[in-house]
Protein backbone atom coordinates (compact mmCIF):
# COMPACT_ATOMS: atom_id res chain seq x y z
CA MET A 1 -0.71 -12.68 -8.92
CA LEU A 2 2.69 -11.86 -7.43
CA ILE A 3 2.43 -8.62 -5.42
CA ASP A 4 5.20 -6.87 -3.52
CA THR A 5 3.33 -5.46 -0.53
CA HIS A 6 6.21 -3.32 0.71
CA ILE A 7 8.80 -1.63 -1.51
CA HIS A 8 10.34 1.84 -1.36
CA LEU A 9 10.56 2.57 -5.06
CA ASP A 10 10.97 6.28 -4.30
CA ALA A 11 14.25 5.68 -2.44
CA ALA A 12 17.36 7.48 -3.69
CA GLU A 13 19.01 4.10 -4.32
CA PHE A 14 16.70 3.71 -7.34
CA ASP A 15 17.20 7.19 -8.80
CA ALA A 16 19.65 6.02 -11.45
CA ASP A 17 17.65 3.06 -12.76
CA ARG A 18 14.16 3.08 -11.23
CA GLY A 19 12.34 2.24 -14.45
CA GLN A 20 14.77 -0.54 -15.32
CA ALA A 21 14.45 -2.08 -11.84
CA ILE A 22 10.65 -2.06 -12.09
CA ASP A 23 10.71 -3.53 -15.59
CA PHE A 24 13.09 -6.28 -14.50
CA ALA A 25 10.74 -7.15 -11.65
CA ARG A 26 7.79 -7.25 -14.03
CA ALA A 27 9.74 -9.55 -16.34
CA SER A 28 10.35 -11.89 -13.39
CA GLY A 29 6.61 -12.11 -12.73
CA VAL A 30 5.86 -9.29 -10.27
CA ALA A 31 2.43 -7.89 -11.10
CA GLY A 32 1.97 -5.23 -8.42
CA PHE A 33 3.92 -2.98 -6.05
CA VAL A 34 2.82 -1.23 -2.84
CA VAL A 35 4.92 1.85 -2.06
CA PRO A 36 4.51 3.31 1.44
CA ALA A 37 5.60 6.81 2.38
CA VAL A 38 7.78 7.37 5.44
CA GLU A 39 7.44 11.14 5.96
CA ARG A 40 5.54 14.17 4.72
CA ALA A 41 8.42 15.06 2.40
CA ASN A 42 7.91 11.96 0.23
CA PHE A 43 4.11 11.95 -0.02
CA ASP A 44 4.30 13.49 -3.49
CA ALA A 45 7.03 11.10 -4.62
CA VAL A 46 5.09 7.92 -3.84
CA ARG A 47 1.92 9.37 -5.33
CA GLY A 48 3.83 10.32 -8.46
CA ILE A 49 5.25 6.84 -9.00
CA ALA A 50 1.78 5.33 -8.60
CA ALA A 51 0.28 7.86 -11.01
CA MET A 52 2.73 6.78 -13.70
CA ASN A 53 2.32 3.02 -13.20
CA ALA A 54 -1.01 1.19 -13.09
CA ASP A 55 0.62 -1.72 -11.25
CA VAL A 56 1.84 0.54 -8.41
CA CYS A 57 -0.25 1.80 -5.51
CA PHE A 58 0.76 4.01 -2.58
CA ALA A 59 0.24 4.38 1.14
CA LEU A 60 0.77 7.56 3.16
CA GLY A 61 2.14 7.79 6.67
CA ILE A 62 4.94 8.89 8.98
CA HIS A 63 7.43 6.15 9.89
CA PRO A 64 8.42 5.86 13.56
CA MET A 65 12.07 6.54 12.65
CA TYR A 66 11.03 9.87 11.10
CA VAL A 67 8.97 11.26 13.97
CA MET A 68 11.79 13.21 15.60
CA PRO A 69 12.02 15.90 12.87
CA ALA A 70 8.29 15.68 12.10
CA ARG A 71 5.76 18.24 13.31
CA MET A 72 2.27 17.55 14.55
CA ASP A 73 0.82 19.60 11.68
CA ASP A 74 2.21 16.87 9.43
CA ILE A 75 -0.70 14.83 10.77
CA GLU A 76 -3.08 17.49 9.49
CA VAL A 77 -1.44 17.35 6.06
CA LEU A 78 -1.71 13.56 6.11
CA ASP A 79 -5.40 13.84 6.94
CA GLU A 80 -5.92 16.19 3.99
CA CYS A 81 -3.99 13.93 1.61
CA LEU A 82 -5.95 10.86 2.70
CA GLY A 83 -9.15 12.80 2.10
CA GLU A 84 -8.10 13.35 -1.52
CA GLY A 85 -8.30 9.60 -2.11
CA GLY A 86 -6.02 7.15 -3.88
CA ALA A 87 -4.11 5.81 -0.88
CA VAL A 88 -4.67 2.11 -0.21
CA ALA A 89 -3.46 2.31 3.40
CA VAL A 90 -2.00 4.51 6.11
CA GLY A 91 1.64 3.59 6.30
CA GLU A 92 4.36 3.03 7.00
CA ILE A 93 3.50 3.66 10.64
CA GLY A 94 4.19 1.95 13.94
CA LEU A 95 6.76 1.76 16.71
CA ASP A 96 10.49 0.98 16.68
CA HIS A 97 12.03 0.08 20.04
CA PHE A 98 15.23 -1.24 18.46
CA VAL A 99 16.87 1.94 17.15
CA PRO A 100 18.32 4.00 20.04
CA GLY A 101 17.70 7.70 20.41
CA ILE A 102 14.07 7.84 19.26
CA ASP A 103 11.67 9.15 21.89
CA HIS A 104 9.21 6.31 22.54
CA ALA A 105 6.54 8.72 23.77
CA ARG A 106 6.78 10.76 20.58
CA GLN A 107 6.61 7.61 18.46
CA LEU A 108 3.48 6.58 20.32
CA GLU A 109 1.89 10.02 19.89
CA PHE A 110 2.32 9.86 16.10
CA PHE A 111 1.28 6.22 15.92
CA VAL A 112 -1.97 6.79 17.82
CA ALA A 113 -2.78 9.87 15.76
CA GLN A 114 -2.30 7.93 12.54
CA LEU A 115 -4.36 4.97 13.73
CA GLU A 116 -7.17 7.40 14.44
CA LEU A 117 -6.84 8.79 10.90
CA ALA A 118 -6.93 5.27 9.46
CA ARG A 119 -10.11 4.54 11.39
CA ARG A 120 -11.69 7.82 10.30
CA HIS A 121 -10.87 7.22 6.63
CA GLY A 122 -11.73 3.52 6.74
CA LEU A 123 -8.27 2.45 5.60
CA PRO A 124 -6.02 -0.45 6.59
CA VAL A 125 -2.56 0.28 7.98
CA ILE A 126 0.94 -0.87 7.05
CA LEU A 127 2.83 -1.48 10.28
CA HIS A 128 6.48 -1.16 11.22
CA VAL A 129 6.72 -3.44 14.26
CA ARG A 130 10.37 -3.78 15.25
CA ARG A 131 10.69 -4.98 18.86
CA ALA A 132 7.39 -3.32 19.71
CA ILE A 133 4.65 -5.77 18.79
CA ASP A 134 2.98 -5.92 22.20
CA PRO A 135 2.58 -2.13 22.58
CA ILE A 136 1.33 -2.01 19.00
CA LEU A 137 -1.22 -4.71 19.75
CA LYS A 138 -2.37 -2.71 22.76
CA GLN A 139 -3.16 0.30 20.57
CA LEU A 140 -4.75 -1.80 17.82
CA ARG A 141 -7.13 -3.30 20.35
CA ARG A 142 -7.96 0.18 21.64
CA ILE A 143 -8.31 1.87 18.26
CA GLY A 144 -9.98 -0.50 15.85
CA VAL A 145 -8.79 -0.18 12.25
CA ALA A 146 -9.63 -2.02 9.04
CA GLY A 147 -6.80 -4.53 9.41
CA GLY A 148 -3.63 -4.16 7.40
CA ILE A 149 -0.17 -5.65 6.99
CA ALA A 150 2.49 -6.20 9.66
CA HIS A 151 5.56 -5.51 7.52
CA ALA A 152 8.67 -7.70 8.00
CA PHE A 153 7.03 -9.69 10.76
CA ASN A 154 9.56 -10.92 13.32
CA GLY A 155 7.52 -11.86 16.36
CA SER A 156 6.28 -14.97 18.11
CA ARG A 157 3.52 -17.33 17.01
CA GLN A 158 1.31 -15.95 19.78
CA GLN A 159 1.85 -12.39 18.53
CA ALA A 160 1.24 -13.53 14.97
CA ASP A 161 -2.07 -15.10 15.96
CA ALA A 162 -3.07 -11.91 17.78
CA LEU A 163 -2.41 -9.78 14.71
CA ILE A 164 -4.23 -12.23 12.47
CA GLY A 165 -7.18 -12.10 14.82
CA LEU A 166 -7.29 -8.33 14.35
CA GLY A 167 -7.50 -8.67 10.58
CA PHE A 168 -3.82 -8.37 9.68
CA LYS A 169 -1.70 -10.17 7.13
CA LEU A 170 1.97 -10.77 7.93
CA GLY A 171 4.73 -9.77 5.53
CA PHE A 172 7.60 -12.15 4.74
CA GLY A 173 10.58 -11.52 2.49
CA GLY A 174 14.33 -11.78 2.30
CA THR A 175 14.81 -12.92 5.88
CA MET A 176 13.37 -16.30 4.87
CA SER A 177 16.42 -16.86 2.64
CA PHE A 178 18.78 -17.14 5.63
CA SER A 179 19.08 -20.66 6.99
CA GLY A 180 19.84 -19.22 10.43
CA SER A 181 16.47 -17.42 10.56
CA THR A 182 14.87 -20.52 12.03
CA ARG A 183 11.97 -18.82 13.80
CA ILE A 184 10.99 -16.76 10.75
CA ARG A 185 11.23 -19.80 8.48
CA GLU A 186 9.14 -21.87 10.89
CA LEU A 187 6.45 -19.20 11.00
CA ALA A 188 6.46 -18.90 7.22
CA ALA A 189 6.07 -22.66 6.98
CA THR A 190 3.29 -23.08 9.53
CA LEU A 191 1.13 -19.95 9.69
CA PRO A 192 -2.16 -20.13 7.80
CA LEU A 193 -1.39 -19.34 4.18
CA ASP A 194 -4.31 -16.94 4.03
CA ALA A 195 -2.47 -14.75 6.58
CA ILE A 196 0.75 -14.32 4.58
CA VAL A 197 1.81 -11.71 2.02
CA LEU A 198 5.16 -11.30 0.28
CA GLU A 199 7.40 -8.23 0.25
CA THR A 200 10.93 -7.15 -0.59
CA ASP A 201 11.32 -3.88 1.38
CA ALA A 202 13.74 -2.99 -1.44
CA PRO A 203 16.23 -1.40 -1.40
CA ASP A 204 16.52 -2.67 2.19
CA ILE A 205 16.66 -6.20 3.73
CA PRO A 206 18.63 -7.92 0.95
CA PRO A 207 18.43 -11.72 0.77
CA GLU A 208 21.20 -14.16 1.63
CA TRP A 209 22.49 -14.24 -1.96
CA ALA A 210 22.88 -10.43 -2.07
CA ARG A 211 24.39 -9.59 1.31
CA GLY A 212 25.58 -5.99 1.40
CA GLN A 213 23.95 -5.17 -1.93
CA ARG A 214 20.85 -3.24 -2.91
CA ASN A 215 17.76 -5.40 -2.57
CA GLU A 216 16.04 -5.70 -5.95
CA PRO A 217 12.29 -5.71 -6.70
CA ALA A 218 12.84 -8.77 -8.90
CA ASN A 219 13.88 -10.82 -5.85
CA LEU A 220 10.21 -11.25 -4.97
CA SER A 221 9.83 -14.17 -7.36
CA ARG A 222 12.61 -16.03 -5.55
CA TYR A 223 10.96 -15.29 -2.21
CA ALA A 224 7.83 -16.96 -3.51
CA SER A 225 9.90 -20.02 -4.41
CA ILE A 226 11.49 -20.09 -0.95
CA LEU A 227 8.09 -19.91 0.72
CA ALA A 228 6.86 -22.71 -1.53
CA GLU A 229 9.82 -24.87 -0.51
CA LEU A 230 9.26 -24.16 3.18
CA ARG A 231 5.58 -25.07 2.91
CA ARG A 232 6.17 -27.93 0.45
CA VAL A 233 3.57 -26.72 -2.00
CA PRO A 234 3.79 -25.62 -5.66
CA VAL A 235 5.02 -22.07 -6.15
CA GLU A 236 1.88 -21.33 -8.18
CA GLU A 237 -0.16 -21.91 -5.03
CA ILE A 238 1.99 -19.43 -3.10
CA ILE A 239 1.70 -16.78 -5.81
CA ALA A 240 -2.07 -17.16 -6.05
CA ALA A 241 -2.66 -17.15 -2.29
CA THR A 242 -0.35 -14.30 -1.32
CA GLY A 243 -1.63 -12.16 -4.17
CA ARG A 244 -5.21 -12.85 -3.17
CA ASN A 245 -4.36 -11.95 0.44
CA ALA A 246 -2.83 -8.63 -0.61
CA ILE A 247 -5.82 -7.73 -2.75
CA GLU A 248 -8.19 -8.63 0.07
CA VAL A 249 -6.53 -6.59 2.81
CA LEU A 250 -5.69 -3.52 0.68
CA ARG A 251 -8.82 -3.60 -1.47
CA TRP A 252 -6.67 -2.85 -4.53
CA GLN A 253 -5.75 -4.80 -7.60
CA PRO A 254 -2.91 -3.87 -9.99
CA GLY A 255 -4.33 -2.01 -12.95
CA LYS A 256 -7.17 -0.48 -10.92
CA ALA A 257 -6.51 2.89 -9.36
CA GLY A 258 -7.13 3.79 -5.76
CA ALA A 259 -8.27 2.18 -2.54
CA GLN A 260 -11.46 0.12 -2.54
CA ALA A 261 -11.09 -0.53 -6.28
CA VAL A 262 -11.92 -4.16 -5.65
CA GLY A 263 -14.92 -5.25 -3.65
CA VAL A 264 -14.20 -7.73 -0.88
């Protein structure tokens, strides 16, 4: 089962043709989509898309790049929304030490608060980990959560092993398509297959063949082929394994509503 574990279907870039983009992805073999929120303002949007599509699930969280305008009572709203059920994870949350001008202390405050919510609600987390894997690992070791997915993983093998040891799967996508991304391609080729999930991050992170264009949900099938080539295994093995990994960590299967719909 081909599952896109990270896609922003609610993004404005899809407003003109959202349904067509989803249908095209389905036609290419994509069987499930995980749509994480990035701020309180789009909680309803991601829930609405999931409500209309049995192959779409949602996560709720406040992205580190959105913490500056956020208020701490947004955490209370998030807690209430998680209590209503349906979310498969808390996300997209984490730390971003790459983008200038974002208060690192404020990012950390929101990240810790959301990890504590994930622990309280028994949910995995979807992590944004740009140039901040070690401080994220520090908090994950301190605040145990039910695993999750490290979205767009771009760290070292040692950091990868640490995340895997904490129950995380690592997300790989369009970056694998660039021949110059040697470290990412090496990790994709050599990490245990049961630790890998696929993602597009559409409309962001377009692949090599679509530089400067909107990333499409349908690209996921080509990412599966790239991963198969890197690992020198049949693409069917990649699809089966990465889909199984996504279902295991999120406890959700396309066509079944809500978190913990599948027993693992």
